[in-house]
Amino acid sequence: MILSSLKLKTLTAQDLTAILELDQACFGGLWTMEGYQRELDSPNSDLLGLFSPQSTVKLLGMGCFWSILEEAHITIVAVHPRYHRQGLGQALLYFLLKTAGDRGLERATLEVRASNTAAISLYEKFGFKTAGKRRGYYQDNGEDALILWLPDLQYPQFQKKLQHWETIILDDLAHSHWTVDS
């Protein structure tokens, strides 16, 4: 079995073209180049990307969160459709939560389409709970968003969970022929 390498890195302005290509593939153009540039320029925004030199797709996945007071507000978790169901989404979510914890943030929150059962299942696997609903949140079709919430990022038991997830995620990625370069 040959493993393809994955590299996690903080995205920069040099990645804008790849970011826009991934946004188009996943969301049909959710954010503009200017919107992503604002994210890259903001000291309160963390934008992480997964790359693989063996892939024809430049940016396989990305995740973003805003630091708002003690909270990581996750705005994007996106994996290129060609790479779904290979563990990349859970790897991105893990890295977002680890980065948030390393920044000293105490909790995480996000909105997700009520119909996006795969994403909801992933978030629940990490301990997110439904805290509410935003009616008609998505402008493209008026769909509701569920508000999901994960407290206690700074508690020792959460740090133990993160270590446990890291082992599971690396194992799941290996089963999909991926290895993570540090």
N, C-alpha and C. Protein backbone atom coordinates (compact mmCIF):
# COMPACT_ATOMS: atom_id res chain seq x y z
N MET A 1 0.85 -1.19 0.00
CA MET A 1 0.00 0.00 0.00
C MET A 1 0.89 1.24 0.00
N ILE A 2 0.68 2.11 -0.96
CA ILE A 2 1.44 3.36 -1.04
C ILE A 2 0.61 4.46 -0.41
N LEU A 3 1.21 5.18 0.53
CA LEU A 3 0.52 6.28 1.20
C LEU A 3 0.84 7.59 0.50
N SER A 4 -0.15 8.42 0.31
CA SER A 4 0.04 9.78 -0.20
C SER A 4 0.18 10.71 0.99
N SER A 5 1.08 11.66 0.87
CA SER A 5 1.31 12.55 2.01
C SER A 5 0.33 13.72 2.01
N LEU A 6 -0.08 14.10 3.21
CA LEU A 6 -0.93 15.27 3.44
C LEU A 6 -0.11 16.27 4.23
N LYS A 7 -0.22 17.52 3.88
CA LYS A 7 0.47 18.59 4.60
C LYS A 7 -0.57 19.60 5.04
N LEU A 8 -0.58 19.90 6.34
CA LEU A 8 -1.45 20.95 6.88
C LEU A 8 -0.64 22.22 6.97
N LYS A 9 -1.20 23.32 6.48
CA LYS A 9 -0.51 24.59 6.64
C LYS A 9 -1.51 25.73 6.75
N THR A 10 -1.03 26.81 7.34
CA THR A 10 -1.83 28.03 7.39
C THR A 10 -1.85 28.61 5.99
N LEU A 11 -3.04 28.94 5.50
CA LEU A 11 -3.17 29.48 4.15
C LEU A 11 -2.70 30.93 4.10
N THR A 12 -2.17 31.31 2.93
CA THR A 12 -1.66 32.66 2.72
C THR A 12 -2.22 33.21 1.41
N ALA A 13 -1.87 34.45 1.11
CA ALA A 13 -2.34 35.09 -0.13
C ALA A 13 -1.88 34.30 -1.36
N GLN A 14 -0.75 33.60 -1.28
CA GLN A 14 -0.28 32.79 -2.41
C GLN A 14 -1.24 31.62 -2.71
N ASP A 15 -2.09 31.30 -1.77
CA ASP A 15 -3.03 30.19 -1.94
C ASP A 15 -4.41 30.64 -2.44
N LEU A 16 -4.59 31.93 -2.70
CA LEU A 16 -5.92 32.45 -3.02
C LEU A 16 -6.58 31.75 -4.21
N THR A 17 -5.83 31.49 -5.27
CA THR A 17 -6.43 30.83 -6.43
C THR A 17 -6.94 29.44 -6.05
N ALA A 18 -6.13 28.69 -5.31
CA ALA A 18 -6.55 27.35 -4.88
C ALA A 18 -7.75 27.43 -3.92
N ILE A 19 -7.76 28.42 -3.05
CA ILE A 19 -8.87 28.62 -2.12
C ILE A 19 -10.17 28.85 -2.90
N LEU A 20 -10.10 29.73 -3.90
CA LEU A 20 -11.30 30.03 -4.70
C LEU A 20 -11.76 28.81 -5.50
N GLU A 21 -10.81 28.01 -6.01
CA GLU A 21 -11.17 26.79 -6.73
C GLU A 21 -11.88 25.80 -5.81
N LEU A 22 -11.36 25.64 -4.59
CA LEU A 22 -12.01 24.73 -3.64
C LEU A 22 -13.38 25.26 -3.22
N ASP A 23 -13.47 26.56 -2.98
CA ASP A 23 -14.76 27.18 -2.63
C ASP A 23 -15.78 26.90 -3.74
N GLN A 24 -15.36 27.08 -4.99
CA GLN A 24 -16.27 26.85 -6.13
C GLN A 24 -16.70 25.39 -6.19
N ALA A 25 -15.76 24.46 -5.99
CA ALA A 25 -16.07 23.03 -6.06
C ALA A 25 -17.00 22.60 -4.93
N CYS A 26 -16.84 23.20 -3.75
CA CYS A 26 -17.62 22.78 -2.58
C CYS A 26 -18.90 23.58 -2.38
N PHE A 27 -18.84 24.88 -2.63
CA PHE A 27 -19.95 25.77 -2.27
C PHE A 27 -20.53 26.54 -3.45
N GLY A 28 -19.94 26.41 -4.64
CA GLY A 28 -20.43 27.16 -5.79
C GLY A 28 -20.16 28.65 -5.70
N GLY A 29 -19.12 29.04 -4.96
CA GLY A 29 -18.76 30.45 -4.86
C GLY A 29 -19.35 31.13 -3.65
N LEU A 30 -19.15 30.56 -2.47
CA LEU A 30 -19.69 31.11 -1.23
C LEU A 30 -19.08 32.47 -0.92
N TRP A 31 -17.75 32.54 -0.96
CA TRP A 31 -17.06 33.79 -0.64
C TRP A 31 -16.29 34.27 -1.87
N THR A 32 -16.05 35.56 -1.93
CA THR A 32 -15.29 36.17 -3.02
C THR A 32 -13.80 36.17 -2.68
N MET A 33 -12.99 36.53 -3.67
CA MET A 33 -11.56 36.67 -3.42
C MET A 33 -11.31 37.71 -2.33
N GLU A 34 -12.07 38.80 -2.37
CA GLU A 34 -11.91 39.86 -1.36
C GLU A 34 -12.29 39.33 0.03
N GLY A 35 -13.32 38.51 0.10
CA GLY A 35 -13.72 37.92 1.37
C GLY A 35 -12.63 37.04 1.95
N TYR A 36 -12.03 36.20 1.10
CA TYR A 36 -10.94 35.35 1.58
C TYR A 36 -9.71 36.17 1.94
N GLN A 37 -9.46 37.23 1.17
CA GLN A 37 -8.31 38.09 1.49
C GLN A 37 -8.50 38.73 2.87
N ARG A 38 -9.73 39.14 3.19
CA ARG A 38 -10.01 39.70 4.53
C ARG A 38 -9.72 38.65 5.61
N GLU A 39 -10.11 37.40 5.34
CA GLU A 39 -9.83 36.33 6.31
C GLU A 39 -8.33 36.17 6.51
N LEU A 40 -7.59 36.16 5.41
CA LEU A 40 -6.14 35.98 5.48
C LEU A 40 -5.47 37.14 6.23
N ASP A 41 -6.01 38.34 6.06
CA ASP A 41 -5.42 39.53 6.68
C ASP A 41 -5.81 39.71 8.14
N SER A 42 -6.88 39.07 8.58
CA SER A 42 -7.41 39.30 9.92
C SER A 42 -6.60 38.53 10.98
N PRO A 43 -6.18 39.23 12.04
CA PRO A 43 -5.48 38.52 13.12
C PRO A 43 -6.43 37.62 13.92
N ASN A 44 -7.74 37.78 13.73
CA ASN A 44 -8.73 36.98 14.46
C ASN A 44 -9.23 35.78 13.66
N SER A 45 -8.61 35.52 12.52
CA SER A 45 -9.06 34.44 11.65
C SER A 45 -7.94 33.44 11.44
N ASP A 46 -8.26 32.15 11.59
CA ASP A 46 -7.31 31.07 11.27
C ASP A 46 -7.87 30.32 10.08
N LEU A 47 -7.11 30.26 9.00
CA LEU A 47 -7.51 29.58 7.77
C LEU A 47 -6.46 28.51 7.47
N LEU A 48 -6.85 27.24 7.63
CA LEU A 48 -5.93 26.12 7.48
C LEU A 48 -6.26 25.34 6.21
N GLY A 49 -5.23 24.79 5.57
CA GLY A 49 -5.45 24.03 4.35
C GLY A 49 -4.72 22.70 4.37
N LEU A 50 -5.28 21.71 3.67
CA LEU A 50 -4.65 20.41 3.48
C LEU A 50 -4.21 20.29 2.03
N PHE A 51 -2.93 19.97 1.86
CA PHE A 51 -2.33 19.84 0.54
C PHE A 51 -1.72 18.46 0.40
N SER A 52 -1.58 17.99 -0.85
CA SER A 52 -0.86 16.76 -1.13
C SER A 52 -0.12 16.93 -2.45
N PRO A 53 1.20 16.74 -2.41
CA PRO A 53 1.97 16.89 -3.66
C PRO A 53 1.59 15.84 -4.70
N GLN A 54 0.99 14.73 -4.28
CA GLN A 54 0.61 13.67 -5.22
C GLN A 54 -0.73 13.96 -5.92
N SER A 55 -1.44 14.99 -5.50
CA SER A 55 -2.79 15.25 -6.02
C SER A 55 -2.77 16.25 -7.17
N THR A 56 -3.69 16.05 -8.10
CA THR A 56 -3.86 17.04 -9.17
C THR A 56 -4.66 18.24 -8.67
N VAL A 57 -5.43 18.04 -7.59
CA VAL A 57 -6.15 19.13 -6.95
C VAL A 57 -5.17 19.81 -6.00
N LYS A 58 -4.97 21.12 -6.15
CA LYS A 58 -3.96 21.80 -5.34
C LYS A 58 -4.31 21.80 -3.86
N LEU A 59 -5.52 22.23 -3.52
CA LEU A 59 -5.97 22.33 -2.13
C LEU A 59 -7.09 21.32 -1.92
N LEU A 60 -6.82 20.28 -1.11
CA LEU A 60 -7.78 19.20 -0.91
C LEU A 60 -8.88 19.57 0.06
N GLY A 61 -8.55 20.40 1.04
CA GLY A 61 -9.54 20.80 2.04
C GLY A 61 -9.08 22.03 2.78
N MET A 62 -10.04 22.72 3.39
CA MET A 62 -9.70 23.90 4.20
C MET A 62 -10.71 24.05 5.32
N GLY A 63 -10.26 24.71 6.37
CA GLY A 63 -11.11 25.02 7.50
C GLY A 63 -10.75 26.39 8.02
N CYS A 64 -11.75 27.08 8.55
CA CYS A 64 -11.53 28.44 9.04
C CYS A 64 -12.33 28.64 10.31
N PHE A 65 -11.74 29.38 11.25
CA PHE A 65 -12.50 29.85 12.40
C PHE A 65 -12.08 31.26 12.75
N TRP A 66 -13.05 31.97 13.35
CA TRP A 66 -12.80 33.31 13.87
C TRP A 66 -12.65 33.21 15.38
N SER A 67 -11.67 33.90 15.92
CA SER A 67 -11.53 34.02 17.37
C SER A 67 -12.37 35.21 17.82
N ILE A 68 -13.44 34.93 18.55
CA ILE A 68 -14.33 35.98 19.06
C ILE A 68 -14.38 35.81 20.57
N LEU A 69 -13.73 36.72 21.28
CA LEU A 69 -13.57 36.62 22.73
C LEU A 69 -12.96 35.26 23.05
N GLU A 70 -13.66 34.38 23.79
CA GLU A 70 -13.10 33.06 24.14
C GLU A 70 -13.60 31.97 23.21
N GLU A 71 -14.19 32.34 22.08
CA GLU A 71 -14.88 31.37 21.23
C GLU A 71 -14.22 31.23 19.87
N ALA A 72 -14.15 29.99 19.40
CA ALA A 72 -13.76 29.71 18.01
C ALA A 72 -15.06 29.53 17.23
N HIS A 73 -15.36 30.49 16.37
CA HIS A 73 -16.56 30.37 15.53
C HIS A 73 -16.11 29.79 14.19
N ILE A 74 -16.41 28.50 14.00
CA ILE A 74 -15.98 27.80 12.78
C ILE A 74 -16.88 28.25 11.63
N THR A 75 -16.24 28.81 10.60
CA THR A 75 -16.99 29.36 9.47
C THR A 75 -16.98 28.43 8.26
N ILE A 76 -15.90 27.64 8.11
CA ILE A 76 -15.79 26.76 6.94
C ILE A 76 -15.09 25.47 7.33
N VAL A 77 -15.65 24.37 6.88
CA VAL A 77 -14.96 23.09 6.82
C VAL A 77 -15.33 22.54 5.44
N ALA A 78 -14.34 22.47 4.55
CA ALA A 78 -14.61 22.07 3.16
C ALA A 78 -13.57 21.07 2.69
N VAL A 79 -14.05 20.00 2.05
CA VAL A 79 -13.18 19.00 1.44
C VAL A 79 -13.61 18.87 -0.02
N HIS A 80 -12.64 18.90 -0.93
CA HIS A 80 -12.94 18.76 -2.35
C HIS A 80 -13.77 17.49 -2.57
N PRO A 81 -14.84 17.58 -3.37
CA PRO A 81 -15.73 16.42 -3.58
C PRO A 81 -14.99 15.15 -4.00
N ARG A 82 -13.88 15.27 -4.71
CA ARG A 82 -13.11 14.11 -5.15
C ARG A 82 -12.49 13.35 -3.96
N TYR A 83 -12.41 14.03 -2.80
CA TYR A 83 -11.73 13.44 -1.64
C TYR A 83 -12.66 13.22 -0.46
N HIS A 84 -13.97 13.20 -0.71
CA HIS A 84 -14.93 12.91 0.36
C HIS A 84 -14.74 11.48 0.86
N ARG A 85 -15.13 11.25 2.10
CA ARG A 85 -15.18 9.92 2.73
C ARG A 85 -13.80 9.28 2.84
N GLN A 86 -12.76 10.13 3.04
CA GLN A 86 -11.40 9.63 3.24
C GLN A 86 -10.81 10.11 4.56
N GLY A 87 -11.64 10.73 5.42
CA GLY A 87 -11.15 11.17 6.71
C GLY A 87 -10.59 12.59 6.73
N LEU A 88 -10.62 13.28 5.60
CA LEU A 88 -10.04 14.62 5.55
C LEU A 88 -10.86 15.64 6.32
N GLY A 89 -12.18 15.50 6.31
CA GLY A 89 -13.04 16.42 7.06
C GLY A 89 -12.80 16.32 8.55
N GLN A 90 -12.70 15.09 9.05
CA GLN A 90 -12.45 14.95 10.49
C GLN A 90 -11.03 15.42 10.83
N ALA A 91 -10.08 15.23 9.93
CA ALA A 91 -8.72 15.74 10.18
C ALA A 91 -8.75 17.26 10.26
N LEU A 92 -9.46 17.90 9.35
CA LEU A 92 -9.57 19.38 9.38
C LEU A 92 -10.22 19.85 10.67
N LEU A 93 -11.32 19.21 11.05
CA LEU A 93 -12.01 19.61 12.27
C LEU A 93 -11.10 19.42 13.49
N TYR A 94 -10.38 18.32 13.53
CA TYR A 94 -9.43 18.08 14.61
C TYR A 94 -8.40 19.22 14.68
N PHE A 95 -7.80 19.56 13.52
CA PHE A 95 -6.78 20.61 13.51
C PHE A 95 -7.36 21.98 13.88
N LEU A 96 -8.59 22.25 13.47
CA LEU A 96 -9.23 23.51 13.87
C LEU A 96 -9.40 23.56 15.39
N LEU A 97 -9.91 22.48 15.97
CA LEU A 97 -10.14 22.46 17.41
C LEU A 97 -8.82 22.49 18.19
N LYS A 98 -7.81 21.81 17.68
CA LYS A 98 -6.49 21.84 18.33
C LYS A 98 -5.92 23.25 18.28
N THR A 99 -6.02 23.90 17.13
CA THR A 99 -5.52 25.28 16.99
C THR A 99 -6.27 26.22 17.92
N ALA A 100 -7.59 26.05 17.99
CA ALA A 100 -8.40 26.89 18.89
C ALA A 100 -7.98 26.69 20.34
N GLY A 101 -7.79 25.44 20.73
CA GLY A 101 -7.34 25.15 22.08
C GLY A 101 -5.96 25.74 22.36
N ASP A 102 -5.06 25.60 21.38
CA ASP A 102 -3.71 26.16 21.53
C ASP A 102 -3.75 27.68 21.66
N ARG A 103 -4.75 28.31 21.06
CA ARG A 103 -4.92 29.77 21.16
C ARG A 103 -5.54 30.18 22.49
N GLY A 104 -5.94 29.20 23.30
CA GLY A 104 -6.54 29.50 24.59
C GLY A 104 -8.04 29.73 24.54
N LEU A 105 -8.66 29.41 23.40
CA LEU A 105 -10.11 29.60 23.28
C LEU A 105 -10.83 28.52 24.09
N GLU A 106 -11.98 28.86 24.63
CA GLU A 106 -12.67 28.00 25.59
C GLU A 106 -13.78 27.15 24.99
N ARG A 107 -14.31 27.57 23.86
CA ARG A 107 -15.42 26.82 23.25
C ARG A 107 -15.42 27.04 21.74
N ALA A 108 -16.19 26.19 21.06
CA ALA A 108 -16.33 26.30 19.61
C ALA A 108 -17.81 26.28 19.26
N THR A 109 -18.14 26.99 18.20
CA THR A 109 -19.51 27.01 17.71
C THR A 109 -19.49 27.09 16.19
N LEU A 110 -20.60 26.72 15.58
CA LEU A 110 -20.72 26.78 14.12
C LEU A 110 -22.19 26.69 13.73
N GLU A 111 -22.46 27.03 12.48
CA GLU A 111 -23.78 26.79 11.89
C GLU A 111 -23.61 25.77 10.78
N VAL A 112 -24.60 24.91 10.62
CA VAL A 112 -24.58 23.88 9.59
C VAL A 112 -25.99 23.73 9.02
N ARG A 113 -26.06 23.48 7.72
CA ARG A 113 -27.38 23.25 7.11
C ARG A 113 -28.08 22.10 7.82
N ALA A 114 -29.35 22.29 8.11
CA ALA A 114 -30.12 21.25 8.80
C ALA A 114 -30.16 19.95 8.01
N SER A 115 -30.02 20.04 6.68
CA SER A 115 -30.07 18.84 5.83
C SER A 115 -28.70 18.16 5.67
N ASN A 116 -27.65 18.77 6.16
CA ASN A 116 -26.30 18.24 5.94
C ASN A 116 -25.98 17.19 7.01
N THR A 117 -26.60 16.02 6.85
CA THR A 117 -26.48 14.98 7.87
C THR A 117 -25.06 14.47 8.03
N ALA A 118 -24.27 14.42 6.94
CA ALA A 118 -22.89 13.95 7.04
C ALA A 118 -22.07 14.89 7.92
N ALA A 119 -22.20 16.20 7.71
CA ALA A 119 -21.47 17.17 8.52
C ALA A 119 -21.94 17.14 9.97
N ILE A 120 -23.25 17.07 10.17
CA ILE A 120 -23.80 17.04 11.54
C ILE A 120 -23.26 15.82 12.27
N SER A 121 -23.22 14.67 11.59
CA SER A 121 -22.70 13.45 12.20
C SER A 121 -21.22 13.63 12.59
N LEU A 122 -20.44 14.26 11.74
CA LEU A 122 -19.03 14.52 12.04
C LEU A 122 -18.90 15.41 13.27
N TYR A 123 -19.65 16.50 13.30
CA TYR A 123 -19.57 17.43 14.44
C TYR A 123 -20.00 16.74 15.74
N GLU A 124 -21.06 15.95 15.67
CA GLU A 124 -21.52 15.24 16.87
C GLU A 124 -20.49 14.23 17.35
N LYS A 125 -19.77 13.61 16.41
CA LYS A 125 -18.70 12.67 16.76
C LYS A 125 -17.64 13.36 17.63
N PHE A 126 -17.42 14.65 17.39
CA PHE A 126 -16.45 15.43 18.15
C PHE A 126 -17.04 16.04 19.41
N GLY A 127 -18.33 15.79 19.66
CA GLY A 127 -18.94 16.26 20.90
C GLY A 127 -19.78 17.52 20.78
N PHE A 128 -19.96 18.04 19.57
CA PHE A 128 -20.82 19.21 19.39
C PHE A 128 -22.26 18.82 19.70
N LYS A 129 -22.98 19.74 20.33
CA LYS A 129 -24.40 19.57 20.63
C LYS A 129 -25.19 20.69 19.96
N THR A 130 -26.43 20.40 19.61
CA THR A 130 -27.30 21.42 19.02
C THR A 130 -27.74 22.40 20.09
N ALA A 131 -27.49 23.68 19.83
CA ALA A 131 -27.83 24.73 20.80
C ALA A 131 -29.02 25.56 20.32
N GLY A 132 -29.39 25.42 19.06
CA GLY A 132 -30.50 26.21 18.54
C GLY A 132 -30.60 26.10 17.03
N LYS A 133 -31.45 26.95 16.47
CA LYS A 133 -31.70 26.93 15.03
C LYS A 133 -31.82 28.36 14.53
N ARG A 134 -31.26 28.63 13.37
CA ARG A 134 -31.45 29.92 12.69
C ARG A 134 -32.36 29.65 11.50
N ARG A 135 -33.60 30.14 11.60
CA ARG A 135 -34.58 29.90 10.53
C ARG A 135 -34.24 30.70 9.28
N GLY A 136 -34.30 30.02 8.12
CA GLY A 136 -34.07 30.69 6.84
C GLY A 136 -32.67 31.25 6.70
N TYR A 137 -31.69 30.67 7.35
CA TYR A 137 -30.33 31.21 7.43
C TYR A 137 -29.63 31.24 6.07
N TYR A 138 -29.80 30.19 5.27
CA TYR A 138 -29.08 30.10 4.00
C TYR A 138 -29.85 30.81 2.90
N GLN A 139 -29.18 31.80 2.32
CA GLN A 139 -29.84 32.68 1.35
C GLN A 139 -30.16 31.98 0.04
N ASP A 140 -29.38 30.96 -0.34
CA ASP A 140 -29.61 30.33 -1.64
C ASP A 140 -30.95 29.58 -1.70
N ASN A 141 -31.40 29.01 -0.56
CA ASN A 141 -32.65 28.26 -0.60
C ASN A 141 -33.52 28.44 0.65
N GLY A 142 -33.13 29.34 1.53
CA GLY A 142 -33.93 29.61 2.72
C GLY A 142 -33.88 28.52 3.78
N GLU A 143 -32.93 27.59 3.64
CA GLU A 143 -32.84 26.48 4.58
C GLU A 143 -32.42 26.96 5.97
N ASP A 144 -32.89 26.25 6.97
CA ASP A 144 -32.50 26.55 8.36
C ASP A 144 -31.08 26.07 8.62
N ALA A 145 -30.44 26.72 9.58
CA ALA A 145 -29.13 26.29 10.07
C ALA A 145 -29.28 25.83 11.51
N LEU A 146 -28.62 24.75 11.84
CA LEU A 146 -28.51 24.35 13.24
C LEU A 146 -27.28 25.04 13.82
N ILE A 147 -27.40 25.52 15.04
CA ILE A 147 -26.28 26.11 15.76
C ILE A 147 -25.72 25.00 16.66
N LEU A 148 -24.47 24.65 16.43
CA LEU A 148 -23.84 23.61 17.22
C LEU A 148 -22.78 24.23 18.13
N TRP A 149 -22.57 23.60 19.26
CA TRP A 149 -21.78 24.18 20.34
C TRP A 149 -20.91 23.11 20.97
N LEU A 150 -19.65 23.44 21.24
CA LEU A 150 -18.73 22.53 21.94
C LEU A 150 -18.01 23.33 23.03
N PRO A 151 -18.32 23.06 24.30
CA PRO A 151 -17.67 23.79 25.39
C PRO A 151 -16.37 23.11 25.84
N ASP A 152 -15.72 23.71 26.81
CA ASP A 152 -14.66 23.07 27.59
C ASP A 152 -13.38 22.74 26.83
N LEU A 153 -13.00 23.55 25.81
CA LEU A 153 -11.79 23.25 25.05
C LEU A 153 -10.54 23.27 25.94
N GLN A 154 -10.58 24.02 27.04
CA GLN A 154 -9.40 24.14 27.90
C GLN A 154 -9.36 23.12 29.03
N TYR A 155 -10.37 22.29 29.16
CA TYR A 155 -10.41 21.33 30.26
C TYR A 155 -9.53 20.13 29.96
N PRO A 156 -8.88 19.55 30.99
CA PRO A 156 -8.00 18.40 30.77
C PRO A 156 -8.67 17.24 30.04
N GLN A 157 -9.96 17.00 30.33
CA GLN A 157 -10.63 15.88 29.66
C GLN A 157 -10.77 16.13 28.17
N PHE A 158 -10.92 17.40 27.75
CA PHE A 158 -10.98 17.70 26.32
C PHE A 158 -9.62 17.46 25.68
N GLN A 159 -8.55 17.83 26.36
CA GLN A 159 -7.20 17.60 25.83
C GLN A 159 -6.94 16.10 25.66
N LYS A 160 -7.47 15.28 26.58
CA LYS A 160 -7.34 13.83 26.45
C LYS A 160 -8.13 13.34 25.23
N LYS A 161 -9.33 13.92 25.04
CA LYS A 161 -10.13 13.55 23.86
C LYS A 161 -9.38 13.88 22.57
N LEU A 162 -8.73 15.06 22.54
CA LEU A 162 -7.97 15.46 21.36
C LEU A 162 -6.87 14.44 21.06
N GLN A 163 -6.17 14.00 22.07
CA GLN A 163 -5.11 13.00 21.87
C GLN A 163 -5.71 11.70 21.34
N HIS A 164 -6.85 11.32 21.87
CA HIS A 164 -7.54 10.11 21.42
C HIS A 164 -7.96 10.26 19.95
N TRP A 165 -8.54 11.41 19.61
CA TRP A 165 -8.97 11.64 18.23
C TRP A 165 -7.80 11.62 17.27
N GLU A 166 -6.66 12.18 17.70
CA GLU A 166 -5.50 12.20 16.82
C GLU A 166 -5.13 10.78 16.39
N THR A 167 -5.13 9.84 17.33
CA THR A 167 -4.81 8.45 17.03
C THR A 167 -5.83 7.87 16.05
N ILE A 168 -7.11 8.10 16.31
CA ILE A 168 -8.17 7.58 15.43
C ILE A 168 -8.06 8.19 14.03
N ILE A 169 -7.84 9.50 13.98
CA ILE A 169 -7.78 10.20 12.69
C ILE A 169 -6.60 9.71 11.86
N LEU A 170 -5.43 9.59 12.47
CA LEU A 170 -4.26 9.12 11.73
C LEU A 170 -4.50 7.69 11.22
N ASP A 171 -5.16 6.87 12.01
CA ASP A 171 -5.48 5.50 11.60
C ASP A 171 -6.48 5.51 10.44
N ASP A 172 -7.54 6.33 10.56
CA ASP A 172 -8.54 6.43 9.48
C ASP A 172 -7.90 6.93 8.18
N LEU A 173 -7.02 7.92 8.31
CA LEU A 173 -6.34 8.45 7.12
C LEU A 173 -5.47 7.37 6.48
N ALA A 174 -4.77 6.59 7.30
CA ALA A 174 -3.92 5.52 6.77
C ALA A 174 -4.75 4.49 6.01
N HIS A 175 -5.96 4.20 6.51
CA HIS A 175 -6.85 3.26 5.82
C HIS A 175 -7.28 3.80 4.45
N SER A 176 -7.27 5.15 4.31
CA SER A 176 -7.58 5.77 3.02
C SER A 176 -6.32 6.13 2.25
N HIS A 177 -5.18 5.56 2.68
CA HIS A 177 -3.89 5.73 2.00
C HIS A 177 -3.29 7.12 2.14
N TRP A 178 -3.50 7.76 3.30
CA TRP A 178 -2.93 9.07 3.58
C TRP A 178 -1.98 8.99 4.77
N THR A 179 -0.96 9.79 4.75
CA THR A 179 -0.10 10.00 5.91
C THR A 179 0.06 11.50 6.09
N VAL A 180 0.12 11.96 7.33
CA VAL A 180 0.21 13.39 7.59
C VAL A 180 1.66 13.75 7.88
N ASP A 181 2.19 14.68 7.08
CA ASP A 181 3.53 15.21 7.31
C ASP A 181 3.45 16.29 8.35
N SER A 182 4.41 16.31 9.27
CA SER A 182 4.39 17.40 10.26
C SER A 182 5.25 18.55 9.80
